[in-house]
Amino acid sequence: MKLGPYELGPNDTDAQGIYCGDARELARAIPDESVDLIFTDPIYDRIEDYRWLAETAARVLRPEGHLLVWQNVRYWYDTSTTLKDYLFERYTFVLTRSNACVGTNGTHVLQLWTPLLWYSKLDNVRAIIKPRDSIDAPMRAGISAYHQFQKPQKAIYYWMRCFTRNTAIVFDPFTGGGTVPSVCKQLGRQYLAFEIDPDTCDMARERVRNMQPPLFVLPQPEQLTLEIDE
């Protein structure tokens, strides 16, 4: 999967890597129906970024592809309304932080739970593994070492396994500190990621470079349907 003469890191290739640049420009070169999963974390109040993301997902996802995107409770309704213009709404998973605390000075507030929105290109596509409704990932020292709004690697690892096979191509247009491509390397998935800030991009590339690849590839379990209680 080539994206033309855009800047790549020393450990990247034309088929896999973290590109430094604007996602809106870079994504134009992604072939139609070539991506299995989009897993990303935009800036929550930029609803137009979610609209662009949904429109791009409708083009680049394979027919059986999925979009997993983080959001904040405050903008949940606006985001869902926007995404439904292009994709099928499926379910909302929850990331909880059991040991989180809220600051008392009014300037530092930590959200105790974060929704992960699941959308598909088609309305009858199944997850590879039946996902749990929620994942608890306590805050730990150093969790923001790579990016201010970094999500726990544990949660991304779990949900990525639920939605991708060993041969999957995963796309993250707003990669930040590079958690998604790092997990891809752990799981042996191909990845394509964009980051607009050069310093953050270099940090993400270094993180991926230091991540150990899998010692072996686990066999994929039988595909299961997600059961949703009404």
Protein backbone atom coordinates (compact mmCIF):
# COMPACT_ATOMS: atom_id res chain seq x y z
CA MET A 1 0.00 0.00 0.00
CA LYS A 2 1.90 3.07 -1.22
CA LEU A 3 1.16 6.65 -0.28
CA GLY A 4 3.56 8.46 -2.57
CA PRO A 5 6.55 10.60 -1.55
CA TYR A 6 5.51 11.27 2.04
CA GLU A 7 7.99 11.22 4.89
CA LEU A 8 8.54 7.87 6.57
CA GLY A 9 10.79 6.83 9.41
CA PRO A 10 13.95 4.70 9.02
CA ASN A 11 12.14 1.53 10.14
CA ASP A 12 9.03 2.08 8.02
CA THR A 13 8.24 0.68 4.58
CA ASP A 14 5.87 1.65 1.78
CA ALA A 15 3.51 -1.06 3.00
CA GLN A 16 3.65 -0.35 6.73
CA GLY A 17 4.60 2.62 8.83
CA ILE A 18 3.80 5.92 10.50
CA TYR A 19 3.58 8.79 8.02
CA CYS A 20 4.14 12.37 9.15
CA GLY A 21 1.52 14.67 7.67
CA ASP A 22 -2.12 15.75 7.57
CA ALA A 23 -4.45 12.73 7.58
CA ARG A 24 -6.88 14.47 5.21
CA GLU A 25 -4.18 14.74 2.58
CA LEU A 26 -2.48 11.40 3.18
CA ALA A 27 -5.66 9.35 3.19
CA ARG A 28 -6.47 10.31 -0.39
CA ALA A 29 -3.84 7.84 -1.59
CA ILE A 30 -5.27 4.86 0.32
CA PRO A 31 -6.93 2.46 -2.15
CA ASP A 32 -10.65 1.85 -1.88
CA GLU A 33 -11.73 -1.14 0.23
CA SER A 34 -8.20 -1.97 1.37
CA VAL A 35 -8.42 -1.63 5.19
CA ASP A 36 -9.86 -4.16 7.66
CA LEU A 37 -10.05 -2.02 10.80
CA ILE A 38 -9.82 1.68 11.61
CA PHE A 39 -8.94 2.15 15.29
CA THR A 40 -8.34 5.76 16.25
CA ASP A 41 -8.69 8.56 18.81
CA PRO A 42 -9.53 12.00 17.33
CA ILE A 43 -9.81 15.24 19.30
CA TYR A 44 -13.28 14.87 20.77
CA ASP A 45 -14.79 18.29 20.08
CA ARG A 46 -13.75 18.35 16.41
CA ILE A 47 -16.95 16.87 15.04
CA GLU A 48 -15.91 17.64 11.47
CA ASP A 49 -12.92 15.32 11.97
CA TYR A 50 -15.39 12.57 12.85
CA ARG A 51 -17.40 13.38 9.73
CA TRP A 52 -14.25 13.15 7.61
CA LEU A 53 -13.33 9.92 9.39
CA ALA A 54 -16.73 8.34 8.67
CA GLU A 55 -16.66 9.38 5.02
CA THR A 56 -13.12 8.04 4.64
CA ALA A 57 -14.02 4.81 6.43
CA ALA A 58 -16.94 4.23 4.07
CA ARG A 59 -14.45 4.41 1.19
CA VAL A 60 -11.35 2.59 2.44
CA LEU A 61 -12.86 -0.16 4.61
CA ARG A 62 -13.42 -3.55 3.09
CA PRO A 63 -17.10 -4.59 3.01
CA GLU A 64 -16.58 -6.59 6.23
CA GLY A 65 -14.49 -3.82 7.85
CA HIS A 66 -15.03 -2.02 11.16
CA LEU A 67 -14.43 1.38 12.72
CA LEU A 68 -13.55 1.66 16.42
CA VAL A 69 -13.29 5.26 17.56
CA TRP A 70 -12.93 6.85 20.99
CA GLN A 71 -15.15 9.69 22.13
CA ASN A 72 -16.04 11.74 25.19
CA VAL A 73 -19.47 11.52 26.83
CA ARG A 74 -19.99 15.24 26.26
CA TYR A 75 -19.84 14.94 22.44
CA TRP A 76 -21.23 11.42 22.15
CA TYR A 77 -24.59 12.38 20.60
CA ASP A 78 -23.13 14.73 17.97
CA THR A 79 -20.51 12.18 16.98
CA SER A 80 -22.99 9.32 16.71
CA THR A 81 -25.30 11.41 14.55
CA THR A 82 -22.42 12.28 12.23
CA LEU A 83 -21.06 8.74 11.90
CA LYS A 84 -24.49 7.30 11.12
CA ASP A 85 -24.60 9.32 7.91
CA TYR A 86 -21.94 7.01 6.43
CA LEU A 87 -21.74 3.79 8.50
CA PHE A 88 -23.91 1.39 10.47
CA GLU A 89 -24.00 1.96 14.22
CA ARG A 90 -23.36 -1.30 16.07
CA TYR A 91 -22.53 -0.95 19.75
CA THR A 92 -20.68 1.11 22.36
CA PHE A 93 -17.98 -0.43 24.53
CA VAL A 94 -16.69 1.20 27.70
CA LEU A 95 -13.19 1.78 29.05
CA THR A 96 -13.32 2.23 32.83
CA ARG A 97 -10.61 3.40 35.20
CA SER A 98 -11.25 1.90 38.62
CA ASN A 99 -8.55 3.88 40.44
CA ALA A 100 -9.17 7.22 38.71
CA CYS A 101 -9.73 10.34 40.75
CA VAL A 102 -11.06 13.78 39.93
CA GLY A 103 -8.96 16.85 40.70
CA THR A 104 -10.30 19.29 43.27
CA ASN A 105 -8.90 22.52 41.83
CA GLY A 106 -11.25 22.59 38.84
CA THR A 107 -8.48 22.42 36.26
CA HIS A 108 -7.63 18.70 36.11
CA VAL A 109 -10.58 16.39 35.63
CA LEU A 110 -10.04 12.74 34.71
CA GLN A 111 -12.94 11.02 32.99
CA LEU A 112 -13.81 7.83 34.89
CA TRP A 113 -15.11 6.03 31.80
CA THR A 114 -14.68 6.52 28.08
CA PRO A 115 -16.94 5.21 25.30
CA LEU A 116 -15.48 3.29 22.36
CA LEU A 117 -17.91 3.48 19.43
CA TRP A 118 -18.23 0.53 17.06
CA TYR A 119 -19.42 1.12 13.49
CA SER A 120 -19.33 -1.20 10.49
CA LYS A 121 -19.47 -0.73 6.76
CA LEU A 122 -22.28 -3.29 6.59
CA ASP A 123 -24.97 -3.83 9.22
CA ASN A 124 -24.53 -7.59 9.58
CA VAL A 125 -20.75 -7.94 9.98
CA ARG A 126 -19.56 -9.90 13.02
CA ALA A 127 -16.60 -9.46 15.31
CA ILE A 128 -13.93 -12.15 15.11
CA ILE A 129 -14.07 -12.79 18.87
CA LYS A 130 -17.10 -11.97 20.97
CA PRO A 131 -16.06 -8.75 22.79
CA ARG A 132 -16.78 -7.90 26.41
CA ASP A 133 -18.86 -4.81 27.05
CA SER A 134 -16.17 -3.09 29.06
CA ILE A 135 -12.49 -3.18 29.94
CA ASP A 136 -11.04 -1.85 33.16
CA ALA A 137 -7.59 -0.33 32.77
CA PRO A 138 -6.42 1.48 35.92
CA MET A 139 -4.31 4.58 35.59
CA ARG A 140 -0.60 3.86 36.09
CA ALA A 141 2.44 6.05 36.45
CA GLY A 142 3.90 6.79 33.06
CA ILE A 143 0.71 6.12 31.08
CA SER A 144 1.08 9.53 29.42
CA ALA A 145 4.74 9.05 28.57
CA TYR A 146 4.04 9.08 24.83
CA HIS A 147 1.00 11.33 24.52
CA GLN A 148 -1.21 13.47 26.74
CA PHE A 149 -4.38 11.58 25.84
CA GLN A 150 -2.94 8.10 25.40
CA LYS A 151 -5.35 5.19 25.83
CA PRO A 152 -4.23 2.06 27.73
CA GLN A 153 -2.44 -0.48 25.58
CA LYS A 154 -4.28 -3.28 27.38
CA ALA A 155 -7.66 -2.11 26.10
CA ILE A 156 -6.52 -1.57 22.52
CA TYR A 157 -4.82 -4.98 22.50
CA TYR A 158 -8.03 -6.68 23.63
CA TRP A 159 -10.42 -5.01 21.20
CA MET A 160 -8.03 -5.27 18.27
CA ARG A 161 -7.87 -9.03 18.78
CA CYS A 162 -11.67 -9.13 18.78
CA PHE A 163 -11.94 -7.38 15.41
CA THR A 164 -8.92 -8.50 13.35
CA ARG A 165 -7.39 -11.64 11.94
CA ASN A 166 -3.67 -12.24 11.56
CA THR A 167 -3.64 -10.86 8.01
CA ALA A 168 -5.52 -7.64 8.83
CA ILE A 169 -4.48 -4.13 7.83
CA VAL A 170 -5.20 -1.60 10.60
CA PHE A 171 -5.41 2.15 9.94
CA ASP A 172 -5.01 4.91 12.56
CA PRO A 173 -5.26 8.42 11.05
CA PHE A 174 -4.70 10.21 14.39
CA THR A 175 -2.06 8.02 15.99
CA GLY A 176 -0.55 10.42 18.54
CA GLY A 177 1.90 8.44 20.66
CA GLY A 178 1.55 5.34 18.49
CA THR A 179 -0.35 2.97 20.76
CA VAL A 180 -2.35 1.41 17.89
CA PRO A 181 0.69 0.64 15.66
CA SER A 182 2.57 -0.65 18.72
CA VAL A 183 -0.22 -3.11 19.44
CA CYS A 184 -0.30 -4.05 15.76
CA LYS A 185 3.36 -5.02 16.02
CA GLN A 186 2.61 -7.05 19.14
CA LEU A 187 -0.17 -8.92 17.36
CA GLY A 188 1.54 -9.25 13.99
CA ARG A 189 -0.98 -7.02 12.17
CA GLN A 190 -0.01 -4.66 9.36
CA TYR A 191 -0.58 -1.01 10.20
CA LEU A 192 -0.81 2.35 8.54
CA ALA A 193 -0.75 5.40 10.82
CA PHE A 194 -0.64 9.20 10.42
CA GLU A 195 0.58 11.88 12.80
CA ILE A 196 0.71 15.57 11.91
CA ASP A 197 3.21 16.69 14.58
CA PRO A 198 6.81 15.75 13.63
CA ASP A 199 8.10 15.39 17.20
CA THR A 200 5.16 13.23 18.25
CA CYS A 201 5.59 11.20 15.08
CA ASP A 202 9.26 10.53 15.86
CA MET A 203 8.33 9.46 19.39
CA ALA A 204 5.65 7.09 18.07
CA ARG A 205 8.11 5.53 15.60
CA GLU A 206 10.64 4.98 18.36
CA ARG A 207 7.98 3.35 20.51
CA VAL A 208 7.03 0.95 17.71
CA ARG A 209 10.69 0.19 17.01
CA ASN A 210 11.18 -0.83 20.66
CA MET A 211 8.03 -2.96 20.78
CA GLN A 212 8.72 -6.68 20.62
CA PRO A 213 6.98 -8.56 17.79
CA PRO A 214 5.02 -11.73 18.65
CA LEU A 215 7.03 -14.90 19.23
CA PHE A 216 4.31 -16.87 17.47
CA VAL A 217 0.93 -16.14 15.89
CA LEU A 218 -2.12 -17.41 17.74
CA PRO A 219 -4.71 -19.27 15.67
CA GLN A 220 -7.91 -17.34 15.10
CA PRO A 221 -10.93 -18.61 17.03
CA GLU A 222 -14.21 -19.34 15.35
CA GLN A 223 -16.13 -16.21 14.48
CA LEU A 224 -18.82 -15.38 17.03
CA THR A 225 -21.78 -13.04 17.04
CA LEU A 226 -21.86 -10.17 19.52
CA GLU A 227 -24.81 -10.68 21.83
CA ILE A 228 -26.48 -7.47 22.99
CA ASP A 229 -29.00 -7.51 25.82
CA GLU A 230 -32.03 -5.41 25.04
